[in-house]
Amino acid sequence: INMAEFEEVNGEAYSKMPRLHASESASKSDWIHITLVADFDSEAGFALLKALADFHEANPNVEAVLIHNDKAGAEQSNASEDLLETYIKSGRKLTSEALSGLLGKEANYGPTPANSTLFWKVAEPIYDAVGLKPGQNGLLVNGRYVGPIPEDYTFSQDDMETFVTYETTKRIEPLNKACLLYTSDAADDGES
């Protein structure tokens, strides 16, 4: 996915979604951007959210955007409502600690509040952009999309690590090296 184009088309909705920021101490050349679109109230979507939270905690260079994609007509919520409430109460500055805390809570399903439904509905153009139907799960890592992830597949932190490592090795590192080489060559040309 062309992320510049994606951001241009979906930027307003995308900027409103809960986000875990990369650590300011992490080198920008090592940053990884992950967007998780999942039904956080389903078992598979919750497992994805937990895998991403664990991965983010172990990798401070990761920025993650979290987008709930509920099933059509869903009337009960749990993790999605907890996530939204935590995000709003934190002044829209979600932390790994806050996310881990809510993921450790006992499941407590209740009616989905109207404001929660309206908040997540803003992201519908994003689901459409990546080709997900209501209730489906997918991941976007630095523009590489994987999805829909089968409902019966439990995505783990190891899967997240494998996906990000592959993406880093095959696309990010070669691009960083090319940019450094170009910058170095441009600097050499300027000195002559």
C-alpha atoms as a PDB file:
ATOM      1  CA  ILE A   1       0.000   0.000   0.000  1.00  0.00           C
ATOM      2  CA  ASN A   2       1.299   3.430  -0.884  1.00  0.00           C
ATOM      3  CA  MET A   3       1.307   4.972   2.602  1.00  0.00           C
ATOM      4  CA  ALA A   4       1.661   8.566   1.383  1.00  0.00           C
ATOM      5  CA  GLU A   5      -1.473   8.167  -0.734  1.00  0.00           C
ATOM      6  CA  PHE A   6      -3.206   6.182   2.034  1.00  0.00           C
ATOM      7  CA  GLU A   7      -2.455   8.952   4.556  1.00  0.00           C
ATOM      8  CA  GLU A   8      -3.629  11.644   2.134  1.00  0.00           C
ATOM      9  CA  VAL A   9      -6.977   9.922   1.523  1.00  0.00           C
ATOM     10  CA  ASN A  10      -7.574   8.559   5.053  1.00  0.00           C
ATOM     11  CA  GLY A  11      -5.489  10.944   7.170  1.00  0.00           C
ATOM     12  CA  GLU A  12      -8.328  12.604   9.045  1.00  0.00           C
ATOM     13  CA  ALA A  13      -9.873   9.333  10.242  1.00  0.00           C
ATOM     14  CA  TYR A  14      -6.470   7.709  10.710  1.00  0.00           C
ATOM     15  CA  SER A  15      -5.226  10.510  12.985  1.00  0.00           C
ATOM     16  CA  LYS A  16      -8.196  10.014  15.347  1.00  0.00           C
ATOM     17  CA  MET A  17      -7.464   6.348  16.041  1.00  0.00           C
ATOM     18  CA  PRO A  18      -5.704   5.164  19.223  1.00  0.00           C
ATOM     19  CA  ARG A  19      -1.961   5.105  18.753  1.00  0.00           C
ATOM     20  CA  LEU A  20       1.036   3.771  20.655  1.00  0.00           C
ATOM     21  CA  HIS A  21       3.985   6.023  19.887  1.00  0.00           C
ATOM     22  CA  ALA A  22       7.535   4.863  19.261  1.00  0.00           C
ATOM     23  CA  SER A  23       9.970   5.818  21.982  1.00  0.00           C
ATOM     24  CA  GLU A  24      11.644   9.167  21.420  1.00  0.00           C
ATOM     25  CA  SER A  25      14.961   7.463  22.182  1.00  0.00           C
ATOM     26  CA  ALA A  26      14.550   5.009  19.270  1.00  0.00           C
ATOM     27  CA  SER A  27      16.483   5.887  16.130  1.00  0.00           C
ATOM     28  CA  LYS A  28      14.091   7.099  13.420  1.00  0.00           C
ATOM     29  CA  SER A  29      15.867   4.905  10.871  1.00  0.00           C
ATOM     30  CA  ASP A  30      14.745   1.907  12.963  1.00  0.00           C
ATOM     31  CA  TRP A  31      11.118   2.960  13.372  1.00  0.00           C
ATOM     32  CA  ILE A  32       8.459   0.454  12.380  1.00  0.00           C
ATOM     33  CA  HIS A  33       4.891   1.560  11.743  1.00  0.00           C
ATOM     34  CA  ILE A  34       2.144  -1.001  12.329  1.00  0.00           C
ATOM     35  CA  THR A  35      -1.559  -0.516  11.793  1.00  0.00           C
ATOM     36  CA  LEU A  36      -3.791  -3.183  13.297  1.00  0.00           C
ATOM     37  CA  VAL A  37      -7.345  -3.365  11.999  1.00  0.00           C
ATOM     38  CA  ALA A  38      -9.216  -6.035  13.953  1.00  0.00           C
ATOM     39  CA  ASP A  39     -12.398  -6.929  15.780  1.00  0.00           C
ATOM     40  CA  PHE A  40     -10.953  -6.450  19.274  1.00  0.00           C
ATOM     41  CA  ASP A  41     -14.083  -8.016  20.788  1.00  0.00           C
ATOM     42  CA  SER A  42     -13.501 -11.344  19.016  1.00  0.00           C
ATOM     43  CA  GLU A  43     -11.069 -13.963  20.279  1.00  0.00           C
ATOM     44  CA  ALA A  44      -8.837 -13.693  17.188  1.00  0.00           C
ATOM     45  CA  GLY A  45      -8.879  -9.877  17.159  1.00  0.00           C
ATOM     46  CA  PHE A  46      -8.137  -9.718  20.878  1.00  0.00           C
ATOM     47  CA  ALA A  47      -5.192 -12.128  20.380  1.00  0.00           C
ATOM     48  CA  LEU A  48      -3.846  -9.836  17.639  1.00  0.00           C
ATOM     49  CA  LEU A  49      -4.196  -6.794  19.886  1.00  0.00           C
ATOM     50  CA  LYS A  50      -2.386  -8.622  22.695  1.00  0.00           C
ATOM     51  CA  ALA A  51       0.397  -9.816  20.338  1.00  0.00           C
ATOM     52  CA  LEU A  52       0.902  -6.248  19.107  1.00  0.00           C
ATOM     53  CA  ALA A  53       0.886  -4.845  22.666  1.00  0.00           C
ATOM     54  CA  ASP A  54       3.521  -7.401  23.742  1.00  0.00           C
ATOM     55  CA  PHE A  55       5.577  -6.702  20.611  1.00  0.00           C
ATOM     56  CA  HIS A  56       5.416  -2.931  21.178  1.00  0.00           C
ATOM     57  CA  GLU A  57       6.486  -3.331  24.790  1.00  0.00           C
ATOM     58  CA  ALA A  58       9.559  -5.335  23.692  1.00  0.00           C
ATOM     59  CA  ASN A  59      10.339  -3.023  20.744  1.00  0.00           C
ATOM     60  CA  PRO A  60      10.313   0.695  21.585  1.00  0.00           C
ATOM     61  CA  ASN A  61      10.917   1.568  17.918  1.00  0.00           C
ATOM     62  CA  VAL A  62       7.344   0.561  16.995  1.00  0.00           C
ATOM     63  CA  GLU A  63       4.511   2.993  16.429  1.00  0.00           C
ATOM     64  CA  ALA A  64       1.129   1.270  16.309  1.00  0.00           C
ATOM     65  CA  VAL A  65      -2.298   2.505  15.237  1.00  0.00           C
ATOM     66  CA  LEU A  66      -5.211   0.465  16.609  1.00  0.00           C
ATOM     67  CA  ILE A  67      -8.477   0.329  14.679  1.00  0.00           C
ATOM     68  CA  HIS A  68     -11.481  -1.705  15.821  1.00  0.00           C
ATOM     69  CA  ASN A  69     -13.431  -3.372  13.011  1.00  0.00           C
ATOM     70  CA  ASP A  70     -16.535  -4.871  14.586  1.00  0.00           C
ATOM     71  CA  LYS A  71     -18.828  -7.416  13.011  1.00  0.00           C
ATOM     72  CA  ALA A  72     -21.877  -5.997  11.265  1.00  0.00           C
ATOM     73  CA  GLY A  73     -24.675  -5.532  13.777  1.00  0.00           C
ATOM     74  CA  ALA A  74     -22.501  -6.188  16.846  1.00  0.00           C
ATOM     75  CA  GLU A  75     -24.344  -5.051  19.962  1.00  0.00           C
ATOM     76  CA  GLN A  76     -21.918  -6.227  22.651  1.00  0.00           C
ATOM     77  CA  SER A  77     -18.440  -4.862  23.251  1.00  0.00           C
ATOM     78  CA  ASN A  78     -15.590  -5.458  25.641  1.00  0.00           C
ATOM     79  CA  ALA A  79     -11.977  -4.749  24.654  1.00  0.00           C
ATOM     80  CA  SER A  80     -12.945  -2.183  22.006  1.00  0.00           C
ATOM     81  CA  GLU A  81     -14.887  -0.119  24.536  1.00  0.00           C
ATOM     82  CA  ASP A  82     -12.136  -0.490  27.173  1.00  0.00           C
ATOM     83  CA  LEU A  83      -9.539   0.617  24.615  1.00  0.00           C
ATOM     84  CA  LEU A  84     -11.570   3.653  23.570  1.00  0.00           C
ATOM     85  CA  GLU A  85     -12.280   4.632  27.185  1.00  0.00           C
ATOM     86  CA  THR A  86      -8.604   4.279  28.154  1.00  0.00           C
ATOM     87  CA  TYR A  87      -7.533   6.271  25.095  1.00  0.00           C
ATOM     88  CA  ILE A  88      -9.924   9.129  25.812  1.00  0.00           C
ATOM     89  CA  LYS A  89      -9.199   9.227  29.566  1.00  0.00           C
ATOM     90  CA  SER A  90      -5.454   9.375  28.813  1.00  0.00           C
ATOM     91  CA  GLY A  91      -5.934  12.569  26.834  1.00  0.00           C
ATOM     92  CA  ARG A  92      -5.523  10.565  23.615  1.00  0.00           C
ATOM     93  CA  LYS A  93      -1.996   9.495  24.601  1.00  0.00           C
ATOM     94  CA  LEU A  94      -2.190   5.713  24.903  1.00  0.00           C
ATOM     95  CA  THR A  95       0.760   4.027  26.626  1.00  0.00           C
ATOM     96  CA  SER A  96       1.980   0.428  26.547  1.00  0.00           C
ATOM     97  CA  GLU A  97       1.324   0.206  30.282  1.00  0.00           C
ATOM     98  CA  ALA A  98      -2.283   1.369  29.931  1.00  0.00           C
ATOM     99  CA  LEU A  99      -2.901  -1.026  27.037  1.00  0.00           C
ATOM    100  CA  SER A 100      -1.339  -3.955  28.929  1.00  0.00           C
ATOM    101  CA  GLY A 101      -3.499  -3.092  31.930  1.00  0.00           C
ATOM    102  CA  LEU A 102      -6.730  -3.217  29.991  1.00  0.00           C
ATOM    103  CA  LEU A 103      -5.695  -6.401  28.163  1.00  0.00           C
ATOM    104  CA  GLY A 104      -5.153  -8.079  31.551  1.00  0.00           C
ATOM    105  CA  LYS A 105      -8.704  -7.364  32.692  1.00  0.00           C
ATOM    106  CA  GLU A 106     -11.402 -10.019  32.882  1.00  0.00           C
ATOM    107  CA  ALA A 107     -13.705  -9.950  29.839  1.00  0.00           C
ATOM    108  CA  ASN A 108     -16.895  -8.077  30.679  1.00  0.00           C
ATOM    109  CA  TYR A 109     -19.228  -7.807  27.700  1.00  0.00           C
ATOM    110  CA  GLY A 110     -21.913  -5.159  27.743  1.00  0.00           C
ATOM    111  CA  PRO A 111     -24.062  -3.197  25.333  1.00  0.00           C
ATOM    112  CA  THR A 112     -21.986  -1.131  22.911  1.00  0.00           C
ATOM    113  CA  PRO A 113     -22.442   2.582  23.698  1.00  0.00           C
ATOM    114  CA  ALA A 114     -23.566   4.765  20.787  1.00  0.00           C
ATOM    115  CA  ASN A 115     -20.530   7.060  21.118  1.00  0.00           C
ATOM    116  CA  SER A 116     -18.226   4.041  20.752  1.00  0.00           C
ATOM    117  CA  THR A 117     -20.043   2.883  17.618  1.00  0.00           C
ATOM    118  CA  LEU A 118     -19.786   6.391  16.135  1.00  0.00           C
ATOM    119  CA  PHE A 119     -16.083   6.688  17.000  1.00  0.00           C
ATOM    120  CA  TRP A 120     -15.059   3.415  15.305  1.00  0.00           C
ATOM    121  CA  LYS A 121     -17.409   4.032  12.348  1.00  0.00           C
ATOM    122  CA  VAL A 122     -15.144   6.947  11.319  1.00  0.00           C
ATOM    123  CA  ALA A 123     -12.578   4.311  10.288  1.00  0.00           C
ATOM    124  CA  GLU A 124     -14.815   2.577   7.711  1.00  0.00           C
ATOM    125  CA  PRO A 125     -12.931   4.133   4.759  1.00  0.00           C
ATOM    126  CA  ILE A 126      -9.743   2.586   6.169  1.00  0.00           C
ATOM    127  CA  TYR A 127     -11.322  -0.907   6.252  1.00  0.00           C
ATOM    128  CA  ASP A 128     -12.414  -0.354   2.669  1.00  0.00           C
ATOM    129  CA  ALA A 129      -8.937   0.856   1.628  1.00  0.00           C
ATOM    130  CA  VAL A 130      -7.341  -2.386   2.817  1.00  0.00           C
ATOM    131  CA  GLY A 131     -10.212  -4.554   1.596  1.00  0.00           C
ATOM    132  CA  LEU A 132     -11.563  -5.779   4.927  1.00  0.00           C
ATOM    133  CA  LYS A 133     -15.203  -6.607   5.561  1.00  0.00           C
ATOM    134  CA  PRO A 134     -16.796  -5.957   8.962  1.00  0.00           C
ATOM    135  CA  GLY A 135     -15.300  -8.219  11.631  1.00  0.00           C
ATOM    136  CA  GLN A 136     -12.193  -9.171   9.633  1.00  0.00           C
ATOM    137  CA  ASN A 137      -8.631  -8.678  10.865  1.00  0.00           C
ATOM    138  CA  GLY A 138      -5.521  -7.406   9.082  1.00  0.00           C
ATOM    139  CA  LEU A 139      -2.096  -5.860   9.660  1.00  0.00           C
ATOM    140  CA  LEU A 140      -0.204  -3.175   7.837  1.00  0.00           C
ATOM    141  CA  VAL A 141       3.556  -2.945   8.503  1.00  0.00           C
ATOM    142  CA  ASN A 142       5.288  -0.007   6.806  1.00  0.00           C
ATOM    143  CA  GLY A 143       2.914  -0.330   3.877  1.00  0.00           C
ATOM    144  CA  ARG A 144       2.987  -4.138   3.564  1.00  0.00           C
ATOM    145  CA  TYR A 145      -0.509  -5.510   4.141  1.00  0.00           C
ATOM    146  CA  VAL A 146      -1.446  -8.955   5.429  1.00  0.00           C
ATOM    147  CA  GLY A 147      -5.111  -9.826   5.590  1.00  0.00           C
ATOM    148  CA  PRO A 148      -7.685 -10.799   6.050  1.00  0.00           C
ATOM    149  CA  ILE A 149      -6.141 -13.014   8.716  1.00  0.00           C
ATOM    150  CA  PRO A 150      -8.283 -16.159   9.108  1.00  0.00           C
ATOM    151  CA  GLU A 151     -10.506 -16.110  12.184  1.00  0.00           C
ATOM    152  CA  ASP A 152      -9.275 -19.549  13.232  1.00  0.00           C
ATOM    153  CA  TYR A 153      -5.590 -18.507  13.159  1.00  0.00           C
ATOM    154  CA  THR A 154      -4.220 -17.253  16.465  1.00  0.00           C
ATOM    155  CA  PHE A 155      -1.650 -14.602  15.600  1.00  0.00           C
ATOM    156  CA  SER A 156       1.090 -14.526  18.261  1.00  0.00           C
ATOM    157  CA  GLN A 157       3.897 -12.182  19.261  1.00  0.00           C
ATOM    158  CA  ASP A 158       6.286 -14.587  17.437  1.00  0.00           C
ATOM    159  CA  ASP A 159       4.225 -14.163  14.254  1.00  0.00           C
ATOM    160  CA  MET A 160       4.436 -10.395  14.687  1.00  0.00           C
ATOM    161  CA  GLU A 161       8.214 -10.669  15.169  1.00  0.00           C
ATOM    162  CA  THR A 162       8.569 -12.838  12.041  1.00  0.00           C
ATOM    163  CA  PHE A 163       6.490 -10.459   9.917  1.00  0.00           C
ATOM    164  CA  VAL A 164       8.370  -7.363  11.083  1.00  0.00           C
ATOM    165  CA  THR A 165      11.783  -9.057  10.744  1.00  0.00           C
ATOM    166  CA  TYR A 166      10.963 -10.101   7.183  1.00  0.00           C
ATOM    167  CA  GLU A 167       9.758  -6.590   6.358  1.00  0.00           C
ATOM    168  CA  THR A 168      12.861  -5.043   7.919  1.00  0.00           C
ATOM    169  CA  THR A 169      15.271  -7.365   6.131  1.00  0.00           C
ATOM    170  CA  LYS A 170      13.638  -7.255   2.710  1.00  0.00           C
ATOM    171  CA  ARG A 171      12.486  -3.629   2.454  1.00  0.00           C
ATOM    172  CA  ILE A 172      13.428  -1.301   5.294  1.00  0.00           C
ATOM    173  CA  GLU A 173      17.157  -2.021   5.640  1.00  0.00           C
ATOM    174  CA  PRO A 174      17.836  -1.945   1.871  1.00  0.00           C
ATOM    175  CA  LEU A 175      15.939   1.344   1.610  1.00  0.00           C
ATOM    176  CA  ASN A 176      17.848   2.846   4.546  1.00  0.00           C
ATOM    177  CA  LYS A 177      21.167   1.733   3.001  1.00  0.00           C
ATOM    178  CA  ALA A 178      20.215   3.238  -0.364  1.00  0.00           C
ATOM    179  CA  CYS A 179      19.229   6.522   1.278  1.00  0.00           C
ATOM    180  CA  LEU A 180      22.486   6.656   3.232  1.00  0.00           C
ATOM    181  CA  LEU A 181      24.493   5.871   0.100  1.00  0.00           C
ATOM    182  CA  TYR A 182      22.629   8.543  -1.862  1.00  0.00           C
ATOM    183  CA  THR A 183      23.122  11.076   0.934  1.00  0.00           C
ATOM    184  CA  SER A 184      26.818  10.189   1.135  1.00  0.00           C
ATOM    185  CA  ASP A 185      27.226  10.440  -2.664  1.00  0.00           C
ATOM    186  CA  ALA A 186      25.391  13.782  -2.732  1.00  0.00           C
ATOM    187  CA  ALA A 187      27.624  15.109   0.031  1.00  0.00           C
ATOM    188  CA  ASP A 188      30.740  13.932  -1.852  1.00  0.00           C
ATOM    189  CA  ASP A 189      29.521  15.621  -5.045  1.00  0.00           C
ATOM    190  CA  GLY A 190      28.970  18.855  -3.149  1.00  0.00           C
ATOM    191  CA  GLU A 191      32.548  18.863  -1.842  1.00  0.00           C
ATOM    192  CA  SER A 192      34.195  18.630  -5.253  1.00  0.00           C
END
